Structure formats: C-alpha cells, structure tokens
Protein backbone atom coordinates (compact mmCIF):
# COMPACT_ATOMS: atom_id res chain seq x y z
CA UNK A 1 -30.84 -10.53 -2.12
CA UNK A 2 -29.55 -14.27 -3.40
CA UNK A 3 -27.74 -16.43 -1.35
CA UNK A 4 -24.34 -16.13 -2.94
CA UNK A 5 -24.45 -12.24 -2.35
CA UNK A 6 -25.50 -12.31 1.25
CA UNK A 7 -22.71 -15.04 1.68
CA UNK A 8 -19.83 -12.84 0.31
CA UNK A 9 -21.30 -9.55 2.56
CA UNK A 10 -21.44 -11.82 5.51
CA UNK A 11 -17.87 -13.23 4.82
CA UNK A 12 -16.57 -9.89 4.09
CA UNK A 13 -18.02 -8.26 7.14
CA UNK A 14 -16.45 -11.02 9.45
CA UNK A 15 -12.95 -10.18 7.94
CA UNK A 16 -13.69 -6.65 8.94
CA UNK A 17 -13.48 -5.28 5.09
CA UNK A 18 -16.64 -3.53 3.46
CA UNK A 19 -18.75 -5.02 1.07
CA UNK A 20 -16.98 -2.60 -1.89
CA UNK A 21 -13.67 -4.16 -1.15
CA UNK A 22 -15.26 -7.48 -1.83
CA UNK A 23 -16.12 -6.27 -5.43
CA UNK A 24 -13.37 -6.73 -7.67
CA UNK A 25 -12.15 -3.93 -9.53
CA UNK A 26 -10.58 -5.06 -12.65
CA UNK A 27 -7.49 -3.26 -13.91
CA UNK A 28 -5.80 -3.88 -17.71
CA UNK A 29 -2.20 -2.63 -16.20
CA UNK A 30 -0.13 -5.42 -14.69
CA UNK A 31 0.84 -4.25 -10.97
CA UNK A 32 4.43 -3.23 -10.79
CA UNK A 33 7.04 -5.66 -9.11
CA UNK A 34 6.52 -5.06 -5.22
CA UNK A 35 9.51 -2.78 -3.90
CA UNK A 36 11.99 -4.05 -1.58
CA UNK A 37 11.26 -2.63 1.58
CA UNK A 38 13.54 -1.96 5.10
CA UNK A 39 12.03 -3.13 7.69
CA UNK A 40 12.41 -0.82 10.83
CA UNK A 41 12.52 -2.46 14.09
CA UNK A 42 9.14 -4.33 15.47
CA UNK A 43 7.47 -2.34 18.31
CA UNK A 44 7.36 -5.60 20.55
CA UNK A 45 7.58 -8.93 20.43
CA UNK A 46 4.08 -10.10 19.56
CA UNK A 47 4.30 -7.75 16.24
CA UNK A 48 4.01 -9.32 12.70
CA UNK A 49 4.82 -7.60 9.57
CA UNK A 50 2.79 -6.99 6.89
CA UNK A 51 4.45 -6.14 3.71
CA UNK A 52 3.55 -3.02 1.33
CA UNK A 53 1.55 -3.37 -1.72
CA UNK A 54 0.38 -1.74 -4.89
CA UNK A 55 -3.04 -0.11 -4.65
CA UNK A 56 -5.15 0.72 -7.79
CA UNK A 57 -6.00 4.52 -6.76
CA UNK A 58 -7.36 7.29 -9.37
CA UNK A 59 -6.04 5.40 -12.35
CA UNK A 60 -2.30 4.46 -11.18
CA UNK A 61 -1.18 2.13 -8.77
CA UNK A 62 0.06 3.88 -5.52
CA UNK A 63 2.63 2.05 -3.12
CA UNK A 64 1.21 1.34 0.23
CA UNK A 65 4.08 0.61 2.67
CA UNK A 66 3.97 -2.16 4.88
CA UNK A 67 3.29 -1.65 8.74
CA UNK A 68 3.67 -3.71 12.10
CA UNK A 69 0.40 -4.80 13.28
CA UNK A 70 -0.91 -6.99 16.41
CA UNK A 71 -2.38 -10.16 15.42
CA UNK A 72 -6.18 -10.28 16.42
CA UNK A 73 -5.47 -13.42 18.12
CA UNK A 74 -2.83 -15.69 19.35
CA UNK A 75 -1.24 -17.93 16.42
CA UNK A 76 -3.14 -15.87 14.00
CA UNK A 77 -1.26 -15.92 10.55
CA UNK A 78 -1.16 -12.88 8.08
CA UNK A 79 -2.03 -13.92 4.33
CA UNK A 80 -0.26 -11.08 2.20
CA UNK A 81 -2.76 -9.18 -0.55
CA UNK A 82 -1.87 -10.35 -4.02
CA UNK A 83 -2.76 -9.10 -7.45
CA UNK A 84 -4.21 -12.19 -9.62
CA UNK A 85 -4.30 -12.08 -13.61
CA UNK A 86 -7.47 -12.70 -15.29
CA UNK A 87 -8.69 -12.39 -18.90
CA UNK A 88 -10.80 -9.75 -17.63
CA UNK A 89 -7.78 -7.54 -16.22
CA UNK A 90 -5.93 -7.99 -12.70
CA UNK A 91 -7.91 -7.55 -9.50
CA UNK A 92 -6.73 -7.34 -5.83
CA UNK A 93 -7.15 -10.03 -3.34
CA UNK A 94 -6.97 -8.10 0.15
CA UNK A 95 -4.62 -9.56 2.87
CA UNK A 96 -6.33 -11.09 5.92
CA UNK A 97 -5.96 -13.28 8.92
CA UNK A 98 -6.21 -16.68 9.14
C-alpha cells in the first residue's frame, strides 16, 4: 500500500468517515442551489446547526436536511460540506469538525 493511500485512510478514520467516502465520485451535472431551510429550535444551548445539502444518490441529487448536533468536543467548529467543480466534473467534500 502506498504512503498516500495509507495517509488518506488514516485521516478518514480519524474524521469518522469510511474510506469509500474519501474516494471522490465525479458527477457531470452541477448540484442544484441549496434549499432555504427553516431551523427549528435547538434542543439545547450546546447544539450546533449542520446545514442540509444535496447528496448524489442513485443517479440523481437528493436533499439531506440539516440537523442539530452536539459537537464532539468543546469549541469544535462545523465546516459544512460542499460540491467542488473540476474539469472531471463535480465532487462532494464532506462536512467535518475542526
């Protein structure tokens, strides 16, 4: 196994995502504009809103609604996922805690 692959697998394991999620899937169709979401009241003062996003599922974009979550540690900041455009198409960069 080469060092770059091993490093990528180690990083994805530490972020709590699978190695499959780390392999970009390129889509030739641009994602729709994000939906405007109405946030319900937070379940508690420590919760952080993670916004919804479009996921590529079974050959089409599907909306995944936002949710309130507890951060994994004090002062953690949520970095929202986003779609990135490349000459090969669009690919998803998953949200993560920083």
